[in-house]
């Protein structure tokens, strides 16, 4: 950081020059601060969008997982029905065989 000291022995021209240099330096620092704030804001907005996209993706994945869970449950019910049907068919076959052997 540059320091601008104004000596009491400075004449008006020297003071104006020192003031101009100090003002120029302040403007430069102000521009750098503005640029840094703009970049920071842009990064925050980007992070916010990424966070929102991630949230949306997780929501979509949760919906897919729920659908898979529902499909697994329905498949389980179908398998149970199939097992009962097989048992009924087996019982029916035994009855027919016993009837034929009579």
N, C-alpha and C. Protein backbone atom coordinates (compact mmCIF):
# COMPACT_ATOMS: atom_id res chain seq x y z
N UNK A 1 0.86 -1.18 0.00
CA UNK A 1 0.00 0.00 0.00
C UNK A 1 0.89 1.23 0.00
N UNK A 2 0.61 2.09 -0.91
CA UNK A 2 1.38 3.34 -0.99
C UNK A 2 0.85 4.32 0.04
N UNK A 3 1.76 5.06 0.62
CA UNK A 3 1.34 6.10 1.57
C UNK A 3 1.67 7.45 0.96
N UNK A 4 0.72 8.32 1.12
CA UNK A 4 0.89 9.67 0.57
C UNK A 4 0.94 10.64 1.74
N UNK A 5 2.13 11.06 2.06
CA UNK A 5 2.31 12.00 3.17
C UNK A 5 2.44 13.40 2.59
N UNK A 6 1.76 14.27 3.23
CA UNK A 6 1.85 15.67 2.79
C UNK A 6 2.72 16.41 3.80
N UNK A 7 3.82 16.80 3.32
CA UNK A 7 4.79 17.52 4.14
C UNK A 7 4.39 18.99 4.18
N UNK A 8 4.59 19.61 5.31
CA UNK A 8 4.21 21.03 5.45
C UNK A 8 5.06 21.91 4.55
N UNK A 9 6.15 21.34 4.05
CA UNK A 9 7.01 22.15 3.18
C UNK A 9 6.57 22.06 1.72
N UNK A 10 5.54 21.20 1.43
CA UNK A 10 5.03 21.09 0.05
C UNK A 10 4.38 22.39 -0.36
N UNK A 11 4.64 22.77 -1.59
CA UNK A 11 3.91 23.93 -2.10
C UNK A 11 2.59 23.44 -2.68
N UNK A 12 1.77 24.34 -3.16
CA UNK A 12 0.43 23.99 -3.65
C UNK A 12 0.48 23.00 -4.81
N UNK A 13 1.42 23.16 -5.72
CA UNK A 13 1.54 22.24 -6.85
C UNK A 13 1.89 20.83 -6.38
N UNK A 14 2.82 20.76 -5.42
CA UNK A 14 3.21 19.44 -4.89
C UNK A 14 2.03 18.78 -4.17
N UNK A 15 1.26 19.59 -3.44
CA UNK A 15 0.09 19.05 -2.74
C UNK A 15 -0.95 18.55 -3.74
N UNK A 16 -1.19 19.33 -4.79
CA UNK A 16 -2.16 18.91 -5.81
C UNK A 16 -1.70 17.60 -6.47
N UNK A 17 -0.40 17.52 -6.73
CA UNK A 17 0.14 16.30 -7.34
C UNK A 17 -0.04 15.12 -6.39
N UNK A 18 0.27 15.30 -5.11
CA UNK A 18 0.10 14.24 -4.10
C UNK A 18 -1.37 13.87 -3.96
N UNK A 19 -2.24 14.89 -3.96
CA UNK A 19 -3.68 14.63 -3.88
C UNK A 19 -4.15 13.84 -5.10
N UNK A 20 -3.65 14.22 -6.27
CA UNK A 20 -4.02 13.52 -7.50
C UNK A 20 -3.57 12.07 -7.47
N UNK A 21 -2.35 11.85 -6.98
CA UNK A 21 -1.83 10.48 -6.88
C UNK A 21 -2.67 9.67 -5.90
N UNK A 22 -2.99 10.28 -4.76
CA UNK A 22 -3.81 9.59 -3.75
C UNK A 22 -5.19 9.28 -4.31
N UNK A 23 -5.79 10.25 -5.02
CA UNK A 23 -7.10 10.05 -5.61
C UNK A 23 -7.05 8.94 -6.66
N UNK A 24 -6.02 8.97 -7.47
CA UNK A 24 -5.84 7.95 -8.51
C UNK A 24 -5.72 6.56 -7.87
N UNK A 25 -4.94 6.49 -6.81
CA UNK A 25 -4.77 5.22 -6.12
C UNK A 25 -6.09 4.76 -5.49
N UNK A 26 -6.85 5.68 -4.91
CA UNK A 26 -8.15 5.33 -4.33
C UNK A 26 -9.11 4.82 -5.40
N UNK A 27 -9.10 5.48 -6.56
CA UNK A 27 -9.96 5.03 -7.66
C UNK A 27 -9.57 3.62 -8.10
N UNK A 28 -8.26 3.36 -8.19
CA UNK A 28 -7.79 2.04 -8.58
C UNK A 28 -8.24 0.99 -7.57
N UNK A 29 -8.08 1.31 -6.27
CA UNK A 29 -8.52 0.38 -5.23
C UNK A 29 -10.03 0.17 -5.29
N UNK A 30 -10.77 1.25 -5.52
CA UNK A 30 -12.22 1.15 -5.62
C UNK A 30 -12.63 0.25 -6.79
N UNK A 31 -11.95 0.39 -7.93
CA UNK A 31 -12.22 -0.47 -9.09
C UNK A 31 -11.92 -1.93 -8.78
N UNK A 32 -10.80 -2.17 -8.11
CA UNK A 32 -10.44 -3.54 -7.74
C UNK A 32 -11.47 -4.14 -6.79
N UNK A 33 -11.94 -3.33 -5.84
CA UNK A 33 -12.97 -3.79 -4.90
C UNK A 33 -14.25 -4.11 -5.66
N UNK A 34 -14.66 -3.22 -6.59
CA UNK A 34 -15.86 -3.46 -7.39
C UNK A 34 -15.74 -4.75 -8.20
N UNK A 35 -14.58 -4.96 -8.83
CA UNK A 35 -14.36 -6.17 -9.61
C UNK A 35 -14.43 -7.42 -8.72
N UNK A 36 -13.82 -7.32 -7.55
CA UNK A 36 -13.84 -8.45 -6.61
C UNK A 36 -15.27 -8.75 -6.15
N UNK A 37 -16.02 -7.70 -5.84
CA UNK A 37 -17.41 -7.89 -5.43
C UNK A 37 -18.24 -8.47 -6.56
N UNK A 38 -18.02 -8.01 -7.79
CA UNK A 38 -18.75 -8.55 -8.94
C UNK A 38 -18.44 -10.03 -9.14
N UNK A 39 -17.15 -10.39 -9.05
CA UNK A 39 -16.76 -11.81 -9.19
C UNK A 39 -17.37 -12.65 -8.07
N UNK A 40 -17.34 -12.10 -6.85
CA UNK A 40 -17.90 -12.82 -5.70
C UNK A 40 -19.40 -13.03 -5.88
N UNK A 41 -20.10 -12.00 -6.31
CA UNK A 41 -21.54 -12.11 -6.56
C UNK A 41 -21.82 -13.13 -7.64
N UNK A 42 -21.03 -13.11 -8.71
CA UNK A 42 -21.21 -14.06 -9.80
C UNK A 42 -20.99 -15.50 -9.30
N UNK A 43 -19.96 -15.69 -8.47
CA UNK A 43 -19.71 -17.03 -7.92
C UNK A 43 -20.84 -17.47 -7.01
N UNK A 44 -21.37 -16.54 -6.22
CA UNK A 44 -22.50 -16.87 -5.34
C UNK A 44 -23.73 -17.27 -6.15
N UNK A 45 -24.00 -16.51 -7.21
CA UNK A 45 -25.15 -16.83 -8.06
C UNK A 45 -24.95 -18.18 -8.73
N UNK A 46 -23.74 -18.45 -9.18
CA UNK A 46 -23.44 -19.73 -9.81
C UNK A 46 -23.61 -20.87 -8.80
N UNK A 47 -23.11 -20.67 -7.59
CA UNK A 47 -23.26 -21.69 -6.54
C UNK A 47 -24.73 -21.91 -6.22
N UNK A 48 -25.49 -20.84 -6.20
CA UNK A 48 -26.92 -20.95 -5.93
C UNK A 48 -27.62 -21.76 -7.02
N UNK A 49 -27.26 -21.50 -8.29
CA UNK A 49 -27.85 -22.26 -9.39
C UNK A 49 -27.46 -23.73 -9.30
N UNK A 50 -26.20 -23.99 -8.98
CA UNK A 50 -25.74 -25.37 -8.85
C UNK A 50 -26.50 -26.06 -7.72
N UNK A 51 -26.66 -25.35 -6.61
CA UNK A 51 -27.41 -25.91 -5.49
C UNK A 51 -28.86 -26.20 -5.87
N UNK A 52 -29.48 -25.29 -6.60
CA UNK A 52 -30.87 -25.49 -7.03
C UNK A 52 -30.95 -26.67 -8.00
N UNK A 53 -30.00 -26.75 -8.93
CA UNK A 53 -29.99 -27.88 -9.88
C UNK A 53 -29.81 -29.20 -9.14
N UNK A 54 -28.92 -29.21 -8.15
CA UNK A 54 -28.70 -30.42 -7.36
C UNK A 54 -29.97 -30.82 -6.62
N UNK A 55 -30.65 -29.83 -6.06
CA UNK A 55 -31.90 -30.09 -5.35
C UNK A 55 -32.94 -30.67 -6.30
N UNK A 56 -33.04 -30.09 -7.50
CA UNK A 56 -33.98 -30.61 -8.51
C UNK A 56 -33.64 -32.05 -8.89
N UNK A 57 -32.35 -32.32 -9.06
CA UNK A 57 -31.92 -33.67 -9.42
C UNK A 57 -32.25 -34.66 -8.31
N UNK A 58 -32.03 -34.26 -7.06
CA UNK A 58 -32.36 -35.15 -5.94
C UNK A 58 -33.86 -35.40 -5.86
N UNK A 59 -34.64 -34.37 -6.14
CA UNK A 59 -36.10 -34.52 -6.14
C UNK A 59 -36.52 -35.52 -7.23
N UNK A 60 -35.92 -35.37 -8.42
CA UNK A 60 -36.22 -36.30 -9.52
C UNK A 60 -35.81 -37.72 -9.17
N UNK A 61 -34.63 -37.87 -8.54
CA UNK A 61 -34.16 -39.19 -8.16
C UNK A 61 -35.08 -39.82 -7.11
N UNK A 62 -35.57 -38.99 -6.19
CA UNK A 62 -36.49 -39.50 -5.18
C UNK A 62 -37.77 -40.02 -5.84
N UNK A 63 -38.26 -39.31 -6.85
CA UNK A 63 -39.45 -39.76 -7.58
C UNK A 63 -39.18 -41.09 -8.28
N UNK A 64 -38.00 -41.23 -8.86
CA UNK A 64 -37.63 -42.49 -9.53
C UNK A 64 -37.55 -43.63 -8.51
N UNK A 65 -36.94 -43.35 -7.36
CA UNK A 65 -36.81 -44.38 -6.32
C UNK A 65 -38.20 -44.80 -5.82
N UNK A 66 -39.11 -43.84 -5.66
CA UNK A 66 -40.47 -44.17 -5.24
C UNK A 66 -41.15 -45.06 -6.27
N UNK A 67 -40.95 -44.76 -7.56
CA UNK A 67 -41.54 -45.57 -8.63
C UNK A 67 -40.95 -46.98 -8.60
N UNK A 68 -39.65 -47.08 -8.40
CA UNK A 68 -39.01 -48.40 -8.30
C UNK A 68 -39.58 -49.17 -7.12
N UNK A 69 -39.73 -48.49 -5.99
CA UNK A 69 -40.30 -49.13 -4.80
C UNK A 69 -41.71 -49.64 -5.09
N UNK A 70 -42.50 -48.82 -5.77
CA UNK A 70 -43.87 -49.22 -6.13
C UNK A 70 -43.84 -50.43 -7.06
N UNK A 71 -42.94 -50.42 -8.04
CA UNK A 71 -42.82 -51.55 -8.97
C UNK A 71 -42.40 -52.83 -8.25
N UNK A 72 -41.48 -52.70 -7.30
CA UNK A 72 -41.04 -53.87 -6.53
C UNK A 72 -42.21 -54.43 -5.73
N UNK A 73 -43.00 -53.54 -5.12
CA UNK A 73 -44.17 -53.98 -4.34
C UNK A 73 -45.17 -54.70 -5.25
N UNK A 74 -45.46 -54.12 -6.42
CA UNK A 74 -46.40 -54.74 -7.36
C UNK A 74 -45.88 -56.09 -7.85
N UNK A 75 -44.59 -56.15 -8.13
CA UNK A 75 -43.98 -57.41 -8.57
C UNK A 75 -44.09 -58.46 -7.47
N UNK A 76 -43.87 -58.06 -6.24
CA UNK A 76 -44.00 -58.97 -5.10
C UNK A 76 -45.42 -59.52 -5.02
N UNK A 77 -46.42 -58.66 -5.19
CA UNK A 77 -47.81 -59.10 -5.16
C UNK A 77 -48.11 -60.08 -6.30
N UNK A 78 -47.57 -59.79 -7.48
CA UNK A 78 -47.75 -60.69 -8.63
C UNK A 78 -47.13 -62.05 -8.33
N UNK A 79 -45.94 -62.03 -7.74
CA UNK A 79 -45.27 -63.30 -7.40
C UNK A 79 -46.07 -64.08 -6.36
N UNK A 80 -46.63 -63.39 -5.38
CA UNK A 80 -47.47 -64.06 -4.38
C UNK A 80 -48.69 -64.69 -5.03
N UNK A 81 -49.33 -63.93 -5.95
CA UNK A 81 -50.49 -64.47 -6.68
C UNK A 81 -50.09 -65.67 -7.51
N UNK A 82 -48.94 -65.61 -8.15
CA UNK A 82 -48.45 -66.72 -8.96
C UNK A 82 -48.20 -67.95 -8.09
N UNK A 83 -47.62 -67.73 -6.92
CA UNK A 83 -47.35 -68.84 -6.00
C UNK A 83 -48.66 -69.49 -5.57
N UNK A 84 -49.66 -68.68 -5.24
CA UNK A 84 -50.97 -69.23 -4.85
C UNK A 84 -51.59 -70.00 -6.02
N UNK A 85 -51.45 -69.44 -7.21
CA UNK A 85 -51.99 -70.11 -8.40
C UNK A 85 -51.30 -71.46 -8.62
N UNK A 86 -49.99 -71.47 -8.44
CA UNK A 86 -49.25 -72.74 -8.60
C UNK A 86 -49.70 -73.75 -7.56
N UNK A 87 -49.88 -73.30 -6.33
CA UNK A 87 -50.34 -74.22 -5.27
C UNK A 87 -51.74 -74.73 -5.58
N UNK A 88 -52.62 -73.84 -6.06
CA UNK A 88 -53.98 -74.27 -6.42
C UNK A 88 -53.95 -75.27 -7.58
N UNK A 89 -53.09 -75.01 -8.55
CA UNK A 89 -52.97 -75.92 -9.69
C UNK A 89 -52.45 -77.27 -9.23
N UNK A 90 -51.47 -77.24 -8.32
CA UNK A 90 -50.92 -78.49 -7.78
C UNK A 90 -51.99 -79.27 -7.03
N UNK A 91 -52.77 -78.57 -6.24
CA UNK A 91 -53.86 -79.23 -5.50
C UNK A 91 -54.89 -79.78 -6.48
N UNK A 92 -55.21 -79.02 -7.47
CA UNK A 92 -56.17 -79.45 -8.48
C UNK A 92 -55.67 -80.69 -9.21
N UNK A 93 -54.35 -80.72 -9.58
CA UNK A 93 -53.77 -81.88 -10.25
C UNK A 93 -53.87 -83.11 -9.35
N UNK A 94 -53.57 -82.96 -8.07
CA UNK A 94 -53.64 -84.09 -7.13
C UNK A 94 -55.07 -84.62 -7.05
N UNK A 95 -56.02 -83.67 -7.03
CA UNK A 95 -57.42 -84.08 -6.97
C UNK A 95 -57.81 -84.87 -8.22
N UNK A 96 -57.37 -84.38 -9.38
CA UNK A 96 -57.69 -85.07 -10.64
C UNK A 96 -57.03 -86.45 -10.67
N UNK A 97 -55.77 -86.51 -10.27
CA UNK A 97 -55.06 -87.80 -10.25
C UNK A 97 -55.77 -88.75 -9.30
N UNK A 98 -56.13 -88.29 -8.12
CA UNK A 98 -56.82 -89.15 -7.14
C UNK A 98 -58.18 -89.59 -7.68
N UNK A 99 -58.86 -88.68 -8.40
CA UNK A 99 -60.16 -89.03 -8.96
C UNK A 99 -60.00 -90.11 -10.04
N UNK A 100 -58.96 -89.96 -10.88
CA UNK A 100 -58.72 -90.92 -11.96
C UNK A 100 -58.32 -92.27 -11.36
N UNK A 101 -57.50 -92.28 -10.36
CA UNK A 101 -57.07 -93.53 -9.72
C UNK A 101 -58.26 -94.17 -8.99
N UNK A 102 -59.13 -93.29 -8.59
CA UNK A 102 -60.37 -93.62 -7.95
C UNK A 102 -60.55 -94.71 -7.13
